[in-house]
Amino acid sequence: MSRTGLDTTDASVLVGGEEKRQMVRSMFDSIAPRYDMLNRLISCGLDVSWRKRTADALGLPPRALVLDLACGTGDFCRLLAKRGMRPFGIDLSDGMLRQASTDAPLVLGDALALPLAEGSVDGVVCGFGLRNFTEIPPMAAELARVVRPGGRIALLEVSRPAGLMSRAGYKLWFEHAVPAIGSLISDPTAYRYLPDSIAYLPPPEHLRSILRSAGFAGVGRRRFTSGATQLYTATRAGIPVTAAERGQRP
């Protein structure tokens, strides 16, 4: 296991560093026009409920300022806005931002160098983006930098099911059916990469350790849909800062 979390047993089909950054940006630019349609199709529509459960777990009140990291076309931004929060998005792919359908502000940017001030947001959500960052520990450090003490993060990702039958079904769908569907409708290379990219994720306890080391407390993990997805939640350590102290309206 490398410091980026890459499972070296699968590393032959994946890349790292700046090569990965450029590949990810180009790949998401290319699949952006049909991304939402394929998301619904390959998740059998379950991605909508996963995002709702992620927003629930974030546990922030209306008017909270929330960053949607790797926001894509703005699914989380739309959901959070409906709940009265103040979302905004950052994504590496200009193509994805051009396809977005949200009134929230969207910014082109890198998760490892967020264009935000220290302690400037109440929370962060991220939907299926961890695998696509070039390194996870610096990303966690950036989240700790921009989230105020007492703020929250909720990071939704794929996972390999533990049960024998669930794992067999997962393998059949995500490693065979998804690439085939993607090849018919969108970019074949991208939809071969996406199932393989789970190799970039550190084991759960390692990822929890990374978040704790970055400055988060109460790091929790839960699994949905027989373990096909996982959600990490945590609170930024430190004394909570009030809205008045941040110069924001309550």
C-alpha atoms as a PDB file:
ATOM      1  CA  MET A   1       0.000   0.000   0.000  1.00  0.00           C
ATOM      2  CA  SER A   2       1.508   3.313  -1.067  1.00  0.00           C
ATOM      3  CA  ARG A   3       1.198   6.618   0.735  1.00  0.00           C
ATOM      4  CA  THR A   4      -1.532   7.614  -1.737  1.00  0.00           C
ATOM      5  CA  GLY A   5      -3.589   4.586  -0.734  1.00  0.00           C
ATOM      6  CA  LEU A   6      -3.051   2.786  -4.041  1.00  0.00           C
ATOM      7  CA  ASP A   7      -3.310  -0.982  -3.761  1.00  0.00           C
ATOM      8  CA  THR A   8      -0.104  -1.957  -5.551  1.00  0.00           C
ATOM      9  CA  THR A   9      -1.540  -5.310  -6.542  1.00  0.00           C
ATOM     10  CA  ASP A  10      -3.725  -3.408  -9.032  1.00  0.00           C
ATOM     11  CA  ALA A  11      -1.277  -0.605  -9.801  1.00  0.00           C
ATOM     12  CA  SER A  12      -0.393  -1.930 -13.264  1.00  0.00           C
ATOM     13  CA  VAL A  13      -3.696  -0.668 -14.667  1.00  0.00           C
ATOM     14  CA  LEU A  14      -3.610   2.684 -12.876  1.00  0.00           C
ATOM     15  CA  VAL A  15      -1.378   5.749 -12.734  1.00  0.00           C
ATOM     16  CA  GLY A  16      -0.402   8.290 -10.099  1.00  0.00           C
ATOM     17  CA  GLY A  17       0.792  11.821  -9.528  1.00  0.00           C
ATOM     18  CA  GLU A  18       0.485  14.460 -12.216  1.00  0.00           C
ATOM     19  CA  GLU A  19      -0.202  11.803 -14.848  1.00  0.00           C
ATOM     20  CA  LYS A  20      -3.293  10.748 -12.893  1.00  0.00           C
ATOM     21  CA  ARG A  21      -4.405  14.376 -12.431  1.00  0.00           C
ATOM     22  CA  GLN A  22      -4.281  15.041 -16.162  1.00  0.00           C
ATOM     23  CA  MET A  23      -5.934  11.733 -16.991  1.00  0.00           C
ATOM     24  CA  VAL A  24      -8.800  12.294 -14.540  1.00  0.00           C
ATOM     25  CA  ARG A  25      -9.460  15.809 -15.817  1.00  0.00           C
ATOM     26  CA  SER A  26      -9.454  14.687 -19.453  1.00  0.00           C
ATOM     27  CA  MET A  27     -11.595  11.648 -18.703  1.00  0.00           C
ATOM     28  CA  PHE A  28     -14.313  13.571 -16.871  1.00  0.00           C
ATOM     29  CA  ASP A  29     -14.308  16.263 -19.544  1.00  0.00           C
ATOM     30  CA  SER A  30     -15.044  13.551 -22.110  1.00  0.00           C
ATOM     31  CA  ILE A  31     -17.836  11.782 -20.207  1.00  0.00           C
ATOM     32  CA  ALA A  32     -19.530  14.919 -18.835  1.00  0.00           C
ATOM     33  CA  PRO A  33     -22.380  15.129 -21.421  1.00  0.00           C
ATOM     34  CA  ARG A  34     -23.804  11.716 -20.452  1.00  0.00           C
ATOM     35  CA  TYR A  35     -22.447  11.476 -16.919  1.00  0.00           C
ATOM     36  CA  ASP A  36     -25.716  12.024 -15.035  1.00  0.00           C
ATOM     37  CA  MET A  37     -27.648   9.579 -17.196  1.00  0.00           C
ATOM     38  CA  LEU A  38     -25.017   6.887 -16.720  1.00  0.00           C
ATOM     39  CA  ASN A  39     -24.815   7.552 -12.972  1.00  0.00           C
ATOM     40  CA  ARG A  40     -28.505   6.793 -12.606  1.00  0.00           C
ATOM     41  CA  LEU A  41     -28.247   3.770 -14.867  1.00  0.00           C
ATOM     42  CA  ILE A  42     -25.212   2.063 -13.343  1.00  0.00           C
ATOM     43  CA  SER A  43     -26.393   2.706  -9.768  1.00  0.00           C
ATOM     44  CA  CYS A  44     -29.947   1.616 -10.621  1.00  0.00           C
ATOM     45  CA  GLY A  45     -31.060   5.004  -9.298  1.00  0.00           C
ATOM     46  CA  LEU A  46     -29.661   4.328  -5.830  1.00  0.00           C
ATOM     47  CA  ASP A  47     -27.154   7.195  -6.033  1.00  0.00           C
ATOM     48  CA  VAL A  48     -30.019   9.606  -5.248  1.00  0.00           C
ATOM     49  CA  SER A  49     -30.787   7.910  -1.924  1.00  0.00           C
ATOM     50  CA  TRP A  50     -27.078   7.619  -1.092  1.00  0.00           C
ATOM     51  CA  ARG A  51     -26.686  11.370  -1.457  1.00  0.00           C
ATOM     52  CA  LYS A  52     -29.744  12.031   0.693  1.00  0.00           C
ATOM     53  CA  ARG A  53     -28.343   9.839   3.435  1.00  0.00           C
ATOM     54  CA  THR A  54     -25.014  11.633   3.138  1.00  0.00           C
ATOM     55  CA  ALA A  55     -26.716  15.020   3.555  1.00  0.00           C
ATOM     56  CA  ASP A  56     -28.573  13.649   6.590  1.00  0.00           C
ATOM     57  CA  ALA A  57     -25.310  12.434   8.118  1.00  0.00           C
ATOM     58  CA  LEU A  58     -23.643  15.804   7.567  1.00  0.00           C
ATOM     59  CA  GLY A  59     -25.938  17.094  10.311  1.00  0.00           C
ATOM     60  CA  LEU A  60     -25.665  20.816   9.551  1.00  0.00           C
ATOM     61  CA  PRO A  61     -28.488  23.361   9.901  1.00  0.00           C
ATOM     62  CA  PRO A  62     -30.013  25.634   7.264  1.00  0.00           C
ATOM     63  CA  ARG A  63     -27.747  28.520   6.197  1.00  0.00           C
ATOM     64  CA  ALA A  64     -24.648  26.352   6.683  1.00  0.00           C
ATOM     65  CA  LEU A  65     -21.971  27.077   4.087  1.00  0.00           C
ATOM     66  CA  VAL A  66     -21.078  23.726   2.513  1.00  0.00           C
ATOM     67  CA  LEU A  67     -18.457  22.850  -0.081  1.00  0.00           C
ATOM     68  CA  ASP A  68     -19.348  20.130  -2.577  1.00  0.00           C
ATOM     69  CA  LEU A  69     -15.879  18.816  -3.402  1.00  0.00           C
ATOM     70  CA  ALA A  70     -15.524  17.177  -6.821  1.00  0.00           C
ATOM     71  CA  CYS A  71     -19.014  18.509  -7.418  1.00  0.00           C
ATOM     72  CA  GLY A  72     -19.374  17.262 -10.997  1.00  0.00           C
ATOM     73  CA  THR A  73     -22.691  18.452 -12.389  1.00  0.00           C
ATOM     74  CA  GLY A  74     -23.945  19.634  -9.003  1.00  0.00           C
ATOM     75  CA  ASP A  75     -26.084  16.806  -7.608  1.00  0.00           C
ATOM     76  CA  PHE A  76     -25.106  17.555  -4.017  1.00  0.00           C
ATOM     77  CA  CYS A  77     -25.404  21.313  -4.546  1.00  0.00           C
ATOM     78  CA  ARG A  78     -29.009  20.926  -5.673  1.00  0.00           C
ATOM     79  CA  LEU A  79     -29.857  18.660  -2.745  1.00  0.00           C
ATOM     80  CA  LEU A  80     -28.221  20.889  -0.124  1.00  0.00           C
ATOM     81  CA  ALA A  81     -29.873  24.014  -1.534  1.00  0.00           C
ATOM     82  CA  LYS A  82     -33.284  22.342  -1.193  1.00  0.00           C
ATOM     83  CA  ARG A  83     -32.466  21.835   2.476  1.00  0.00           C
ATOM     84  CA  GLY A  84     -31.786  25.530   2.964  1.00  0.00           C
ATOM     85  CA  MET A  85     -28.003  25.340   3.074  1.00  0.00           C
ATOM     86  CA  ARG A  86     -25.608  27.505   1.075  1.00  0.00           C
ATOM     87  CA  PRO A  87     -23.681  25.093  -1.159  1.00  0.00           C
ATOM     88  CA  PHE A  88     -20.933  25.825  -3.641  1.00  0.00           C
ATOM     89  CA  GLY A  89     -18.878  23.436  -5.732  1.00  0.00           C
ATOM     90  CA  ILE A  90     -15.286  22.882  -6.774  1.00  0.00           C
ATOM     91  CA  ASP A  91     -14.245  20.454  -9.493  1.00  0.00           C
ATOM     92  CA  LEU A  92     -11.105  19.766 -11.524  1.00  0.00           C
ATOM     93  CA  SER A  93     -13.068  19.177 -14.741  1.00  0.00           C
ATOM     94  CA  ASP A  94     -14.229  22.198 -16.709  1.00  0.00           C
ATOM     95  CA  GLY A  95     -16.358  19.860 -18.814  1.00  0.00           C
ATOM     96  CA  MET A  96     -18.318  18.699 -15.760  1.00  0.00           C
ATOM     97  CA  LEU A  97     -18.891  22.265 -14.583  1.00  0.00           C
ATOM     98  CA  ARG A  98     -20.194  23.223 -18.023  1.00  0.00           C
ATOM     99  CA  GLN A  99     -22.793  20.449 -17.767  1.00  0.00           C
ATOM    100  CA  ALA A 100     -23.877  21.446 -14.253  1.00  0.00           C
ATOM    101  CA  SER A 101     -27.503  22.317 -13.549  1.00  0.00           C
ATOM    102  CA  THR A 102     -27.449  24.214 -10.263  1.00  0.00           C
ATOM    103  CA  ASP A 103     -27.701  27.827  -9.149  1.00  0.00           C
ATOM    104  CA  ALA A 104     -24.871  27.309  -6.659  1.00  0.00           C
ATOM    105  CA  PRO A 105     -21.516  29.000  -7.378  1.00  0.00           C
ATOM    106  CA  LEU A 106     -19.071  26.596  -9.068  1.00  0.00           C
ATOM    107  CA  VAL A 107     -15.295  26.967  -9.226  1.00  0.00           C
ATOM    108  CA  LEU A 108     -12.621  25.170 -11.245  1.00  0.00           C
ATOM    109  CA  GLY A 109     -10.061  23.929  -8.738  1.00  0.00           C
ATOM    110  CA  ASP A 110      -7.934  21.149  -7.281  1.00  0.00           C
ATOM    111  CA  ALA A 111      -8.781  19.342  -4.035  1.00  0.00           C
ATOM    112  CA  LEU A 112      -5.113  19.502  -3.013  1.00  0.00           C
ATOM    113  CA  ALA A 113      -5.006  23.300  -3.258  1.00  0.00           C
ATOM    114  CA  LEU A 114      -8.458  24.628  -2.420  1.00  0.00           C
ATOM    115  CA  PRO A 115      -8.944  28.348  -3.196  1.00  0.00           C
ATOM    116  CA  LEU A 116     -10.495  28.937   0.236  1.00  0.00           C
ATOM    117  CA  ALA A 117      -9.484  30.662   3.457  1.00  0.00           C
ATOM    118  CA  GLU A 118      -8.738  28.769   6.648  1.00  0.00           C
ATOM    119  CA  GLY A 119     -11.865  27.800   8.605  1.00  0.00           C
ATOM    120  CA  SER A 120     -14.123  29.372   5.990  1.00  0.00           C
ATOM    121  CA  VAL A 121     -16.756  26.632   5.548  1.00  0.00           C
ATOM    122  CA  ASP A 122     -19.149  24.845   7.887  1.00  0.00           C
ATOM    123  CA  GLY A 123     -18.914  21.531   6.097  1.00  0.00           C
ATOM    124  CA  VAL A 124     -17.808  19.504   3.096  1.00  0.00           C
ATOM    125  CA  VAL A 125     -19.488  16.744   1.128  1.00  0.00           C
ATOM    126  CA  CYS A 126     -17.840  14.669  -1.556  1.00  0.00           C
ATOM    127  CA  GLY A 127     -19.565  12.127  -3.767  1.00  0.00           C
ATOM    128  CA  PHE A 128     -17.381   9.369  -5.245  1.00  0.00           C
ATOM    129  CA  GLY A 129     -14.375  11.645  -5.593  1.00  0.00           C
ATOM    130  CA  LEU A 130     -11.758  10.196  -3.243  1.00  0.00           C
ATOM    131  CA  ARG A 131     -10.531   7.655  -5.799  1.00  0.00           C
ATOM    132  CA  ASN A 132      -9.812  10.403  -8.297  1.00  0.00           C
ATOM    133  CA  PHE A 133      -7.568  12.610  -6.157  1.00  0.00           C
ATOM    134  CA  THR A 134      -3.846  12.202  -6.737  1.00  0.00           C
ATOM    135  CA  GLU A 135      -3.180  11.845  -2.994  1.00  0.00           C
ATOM    136  CA  ILE A 136      -5.541  11.376  -0.074  1.00  0.00           C
ATOM    137  CA  PRO A 137      -3.517  12.627   2.949  1.00  0.00           C
ATOM    138  CA  PRO A 138      -2.957  16.127   1.449  1.00  0.00           C
ATOM    139  CA  MET A 139      -6.635  16.255   0.502  1.00  0.00           C
ATOM    140  CA  ALA A 140      -7.597  15.453   4.098  1.00  0.00           C
ATOM    141  CA  ALA A 141      -5.223  18.163   5.314  1.00  0.00           C
ATOM    142  CA  GLU A 142      -6.890  20.673   2.967  1.00  0.00           C
ATOM    143  CA  LEU A 143     -10.315  19.731   4.316  1.00  0.00           C
ATOM    144  CA  ALA A 144      -9.072  20.242   7.870  1.00  0.00           C
ATOM    145  CA  ARG A 145      -7.679  23.637   6.867  1.00  0.00           C
ATOM    146  CA  VAL A 146     -10.864  25.015   5.321  1.00  0.00           C
ATOM    147  CA  VAL A 147     -13.471  23.489   7.674  1.00  0.00           C
ATOM    148  CA  ARG A 148     -14.093  25.515  10.835  1.00  0.00           C
ATOM    149  CA  PRO A 149     -13.640  23.844  14.242  1.00  0.00           C
ATOM    150  CA  GLY A 150     -16.852  21.972  14.963  1.00  0.00           C
ATOM    151  CA  GLY A 151     -17.657  21.752  11.250  1.00  0.00           C
ATOM    152  CA  ARG A 152     -18.510  18.480   9.545  1.00  0.00           C
ATOM    153  CA  ILE A 153     -17.450  16.364   6.576  1.00  0.00           C
ATOM    154  CA  ALA A 154     -19.342  13.538   4.823  1.00  0.00           C
ATOM    155  CA  LEU A 155     -17.451  11.598   2.163  1.00  0.00           C
ATOM    156  CA  LEU A 156     -19.414   9.105   0.045  1.00  0.00           C
ATOM    157  CA  GLU A 157     -17.504   6.430  -1.864  1.00  0.00           C
ATOM    158  CA  VAL A 158     -17.778   3.017  -3.453  1.00  0.00           C
ATOM    159  CA  SER A 159     -16.810  -0.072  -1.501  1.00  0.00           C
ATOM    160  CA  ARG A 160     -16.334  -3.777  -2.082  1.00  0.00           C
ATOM    161  CA  PRO A 161     -19.031  -5.807  -0.304  1.00  0.00           C
ATOM    162  CA  ALA A 162     -17.819  -8.276   2.296  1.00  0.00           C
ATOM    163  CA  GLY A 163     -20.410 -11.025   1.824  1.00  0.00           C
ATOM    164  CA  LEU A 164     -19.681 -13.769  -0.696  1.00  0.00           C
ATOM    165  CA  MET A 165     -22.923 -13.377  -2.681  1.00  0.00           C
ATOM    166  CA  SER A 166     -22.886  -9.576  -2.505  1.00  0.00           C
ATOM    167  CA  ARG A 167     -19.277  -9.503  -3.645  1.00  0.00           C
ATOM    168  CA  ALA A 168     -20.029 -11.805  -6.569  1.00  0.00           C
ATOM    169  CA  GLY A 169     -22.921  -9.584  -7.659  1.00  0.00           C
ATOM    170  CA  TYR A 170     -20.779  -6.479  -7.274  1.00  0.00           C
ATOM    171  CA  LYS A 171     -18.031  -8.009  -9.401  1.00  0.00           C
ATOM    172  CA  LEU A 172     -20.438  -9.040 -12.131  1.00  0.00           C
ATOM    173  CA  TRP A 173     -22.114  -5.624 -12.296  1.00  0.00           C
ATOM    174  CA  PHE A 174     -19.327  -3.122 -11.707  1.00  0.00           C
ATOM    175  CA  GLU A 175     -16.420  -4.991 -13.257  1.00  0.00           C
ATOM    176  CA  HIS A 176     -18.229  -6.373 -16.308  1.00  0.00           C
ATOM    177  CA  ALA A 177     -21.644  -4.788 -16.920  1.00  0.00           C
ATOM    178  CA  VAL A 178     -20.645  -1.193 -16.132  1.00  0.00           C
ATOM    179  CA  PRO A 179     -17.686  -1.115 -18.565  1.00  0.00           C
ATOM    180  CA  ALA A 180     -19.890  -2.681 -21.237  1.00  0.00           C
ATOM    181  CA  ILE A 181     -22.660  -0.111 -20.724  1.00  0.00           C
ATOM    182  CA  GLY A 182     -20.145   2.711 -20.641  1.00  0.00           C
ATOM    183  CA  SER A 183     -18.596   1.517 -23.888  1.00  0.00           C
ATOM    184  CA  LEU A 184     -21.964   1.619 -25.623  1.00  0.00           C
ATOM    185  CA  ILE A 185     -23.073   5.031 -24.353  1.00  0.00           C
ATOM    186  CA  SER A 186     -19.946   6.992 -23.484  1.00  0.00           C
ATOM    187  CA  ASP A 187     -16.126   6.676 -23.255  1.00  0.00           C
ATOM    188  CA  PRO A 188     -15.007   3.009 -23.038  1.00  0.00           C
ATOM    189  CA  THR A 189     -11.688   3.879 -21.374  1.00  0.00           C
ATOM    190  CA  ALA A 190     -13.380   5.910 -18.635  1.00  0.00           C
ATOM    191  CA  TYR A 191     -15.819   3.169 -17.701  1.00  0.00           C
ATOM    192  CA  ARG A 192     -13.029   0.619 -17.547  1.00  0.00           C
ATOM    193  CA  TYR A 193     -11.101   2.941 -15.236  1.00  0.00           C
ATOM    194  CA  LEU A 194     -13.967   3.677 -12.832  1.00  0.00           C
ATOM    195  CA  PRO A 195     -14.410   0.101 -11.495  1.00  0.00           C
ATOM    196  CA  ASP A 196     -10.632  -0.377 -11.323  1.00  0.00           C
ATOM    197  CA  SER A 197     -10.136   2.904  -9.459  1.00  0.00           C
ATOM    198  CA  ILE A 198     -11.355   1.413  -6.184  1.00  0.00           C
ATOM    199  CA  ALA A 199      -7.751   0.208  -5.876  1.00  0.00           C
ATOM    200  CA  TYR A 200      -6.808   3.815  -5.062  1.00  0.00           C
ATOM    201  CA  LEU A 201      -8.798   3.713  -1.817  1.00  0.00           C
ATOM    202  CA  PRO A 202      -6.948   2.907   1.413  1.00  0.00           C
ATOM    203  CA  PRO A 203      -8.427   0.224   3.666  1.00  0.00           C
ATOM    204  CA  PRO A 204     -11.136   1.670   5.940  1.00  0.00           C
ATOM    205  CA  GLU A 205      -9.037   1.882   9.103  1.00  0.00           C
ATOM    206  CA  HIS A 206      -6.180   3.493   7.193  1.00  0.00           C
ATOM    207  CA  LEU A 207      -8.512   6.120   5.750  1.00  0.00           C
ATOM    208  CA  ARG A 208      -9.994   6.787   9.172  1.00  0.00           C
ATOM    209  CA  SER A 209      -6.465   7.192  10.522  1.00  0.00           C
ATOM    210  CA  ILE A 210      -5.648   9.683   7.744  1.00  0.00           C
ATOM    211  CA  LEU A 211      -8.679  11.785   8.690  1.00  0.00           C
ATOM    212  CA  ARG A 212      -7.849  11.660  12.388  1.00  0.00           C
ATOM    213  CA  SER A 213      -4.243  12.654  11.710  1.00  0.00           C
ATOM    214  CA  ALA A 214      -5.438  15.599   9.616  1.00  0.00           C
ATOM    215  CA  GLY A 215      -7.415  17.000  12.555  1.00  0.00           C
ATOM    216  CA  PHE A 216     -10.843  15.326  12.516  1.00  0.00           C
ATOM    217  CA  ALA A 217     -12.537  13.650  15.468  1.00  0.00           C
ATOM    218  CA  GLY A 218     -15.332  11.117  15.774  1.00  0.00           C
ATOM    219  CA  VAL A 219     -14.476   9.567  12.422  1.00  0.00           C
ATOM    220  CA  GLY A 220     -17.237   7.122  11.550  1.00  0.00           C
ATOM    221  CA  ARG A 221     -17.950   4.770   8.679  1.00  0.00           C
ATOM    222  CA  ARG A 222     -21.208   3.227   7.562  1.00  0.00           C
ATOM    223  CA  ARG A 223     -22.087   1.091   4.550  1.00  0.00           C
ATOM    224  CA  PHE A 224     -25.110   1.109   2.242  1.00  0.00           C
ATOM    225  CA  THR A 225     -26.653  -1.367  -0.198  1.00  0.00           C
ATOM    226  CA  SER A 226     -24.997  -4.535   1.095  1.00  0.00           C
ATOM    227  CA  GLY A 227     -21.673  -2.749   1.332  1.00  0.00           C
ATOM    228  CA  ALA A 228     -21.494  -1.462  -2.250  1.00  0.00           C
ATOM    229  CA  THR A 229     -21.005   2.098  -0.979  1.00  0.00           C
ATOM    230  CA  GLN A 230     -19.478   3.577   2.151  1.00  0.00           C
ATOM    231  CA  LEU A 231     -19.800   6.896   3.958  1.00  0.00           C
ATOM    232  CA  TYR A 232     -17.150   8.497   6.152  1.00  0.00           C
ATOM    233  CA  THR A 233     -18.232  11.252   8.543  1.00  0.00           C
ATOM    234  CA  ALA A 234     -16.189  13.324  10.969  1.00  0.00           C
ATOM    235  CA  THR A 235     -16.125  16.567  12.936  1.00  0.00           C
ATOM    236  CA  ARG A 236     -13.313  19.103  12.704  1.00  0.00           C
ATOM    237  CA  ALA A 237     -11.515  19.054  16.036  1.00  0.00           C
ATOM    238  CA  GLY A 238     -11.182  22.234  18.056  1.00  0.00           C
ATOM    239  CA  ILE A 239     -13.448  24.686  19.826  1.00  0.00           C
ATOM    240  CA  PRO A 240     -16.510  25.422  17.654  1.00  0.00           C
ATOM    241  CA  VAL A 241     -16.636  28.897  16.150  1.00  0.00           C
ATOM    242  CA  THR A 242     -19.941  30.788  16.087  1.00  0.00           C
ATOM    243  CA  ALA A 243     -21.432  32.401  13.000  1.00  0.00           C
ATOM    244  CA  ALA A 244     -20.956  35.839  14.571  1.00  0.00           C
ATOM    245  CA  GLU A 245     -17.259  35.134  15.143  1.00  0.00           C
ATOM    246  CA  ARG A 246     -16.914  34.234  11.470  1.00  0.00           C
ATOM    247  CA  GLY A 247     -18.764  37.378  10.433  1.00  0.00           C
ATOM    248  CA  GLN A 248     -21.564  35.360   8.847  1.00  0.00           C
ATOM    249  CA  ARG A 249     -25.300  35.668   9.277  1.00  0.00           C
ATOM    250  CA  PRO A 250     -26.698  32.969  11.565  1.00  0.00           C
END
